[in-house]
């Protein structure tokens, strides 16, 4: 789910890729500009645990 510009949201990075939630599915993208955002840090962590290898990081959306 995309956060509003006032609430930048959270991004999940796994290796050189970012999670890209879209239309109820989760994919990956190498481009930060295409990375999806999660509304809460906990939502991002849950997605990382479900879709990434250990070592993923959750960061505040810098865009």
Protein backbone atom coordinates (compact mmCIF):
# COMPACT_ATOMS: atom_id res chain seq x y z
CA UNK A 1 0.00 0.00 0.00
CA UNK A 2 1.38 3.41 -0.96
CA UNK A 3 1.85 5.93 1.84
CA UNK A 4 1.00 9.57 1.33
CA UNK A 5 3.77 12.09 0.70
CA UNK A 6 3.38 13.38 4.27
CA UNK A 7 3.87 9.86 5.56
CA UNK A 8 6.74 8.65 3.48
CA UNK A 9 6.36 5.10 4.67
CA UNK A 10 8.82 2.25 4.94
CA UNK A 11 10.82 0.35 2.32
CA UNK A 12 12.24 -3.17 2.52
CA UNK A 13 15.66 -3.79 0.99
CA UNK A 14 17.00 -7.29 0.46
CA UNK A 15 20.48 -7.43 -0.99
CA UNK A 16 20.46 -5.21 -4.09
CA UNK A 17 16.66 -5.31 -4.50
CA UNK A 18 13.65 -3.65 -2.92
CA UNK A 19 10.24 -5.15 -2.31
CA UNK A 20 7.59 -3.85 -4.63
CA UNK A 21 4.04 -4.55 -3.38
CA UNK A 22 1.47 -4.10 -6.13
CA UNK A 23 -2.10 -5.27 -6.64
CA UNK A 24 -1.99 -7.61 -3.64
CA UNK A 25 1.24 -9.31 -4.75
CA UNK A 26 4.87 -8.69 -3.79
CA UNK A 27 7.66 -8.50 -6.36
CA UNK A 28 11.20 -7.14 -6.43
CA UNK A 29 12.87 -4.21 -8.15
CA UNK A 30 16.47 -3.06 -8.34
CA UNK A 31 15.39 0.59 -8.62
CA UNK A 32 14.67 2.58 -5.49
CA UNK A 33 12.27 4.78 -7.44
CA UNK A 34 10.11 1.70 -8.15
CA UNK A 35 10.22 0.34 -4.60
CA UNK A 36 6.91 0.05 -2.85
CA UNK A 37 6.21 1.59 0.52
CA UNK A 38 4.49 0.14 3.52
CA UNK A 39 2.44 2.30 5.88
CA UNK A 40 4.07 1.07 9.08
CA UNK A 41 7.45 -0.27 10.06
CA UNK A 42 5.80 -3.43 11.41
CA UNK A 43 4.00 -4.05 8.10
CA UNK A 44 7.34 -3.70 6.29
CA UNK A 45 9.04 -6.11 8.72
CA UNK A 46 6.27 -8.66 8.25
CA UNK A 47 6.63 -8.44 4.46
CA UNK A 48 10.40 -8.79 4.77
CA UNK A 49 10.05 -11.89 6.94
CA UNK A 50 7.55 -13.39 4.48
CA UNK A 51 9.34 -12.54 1.21
CA UNK A 52 13.06 -12.00 1.87
CA UNK A 53 16.08 -13.94 3.01
CA UNK A 54 17.45 -13.15 6.48
CA UNK A 55 19.43 -9.93 6.47
CA UNK A 56 16.78 -7.70 4.87
CA UNK A 57 16.56 -4.15 6.19
CA UNK A 58 13.61 -1.85 6.70
CA UNK A 59 14.31 1.83 6.06
CA UNK A 60 12.32 5.05 6.02
CA UNK A 61 11.46 6.02 2.44
CA UNK A 62 14.04 8.69 1.50
CA UNK A 63 12.10 9.93 -1.53
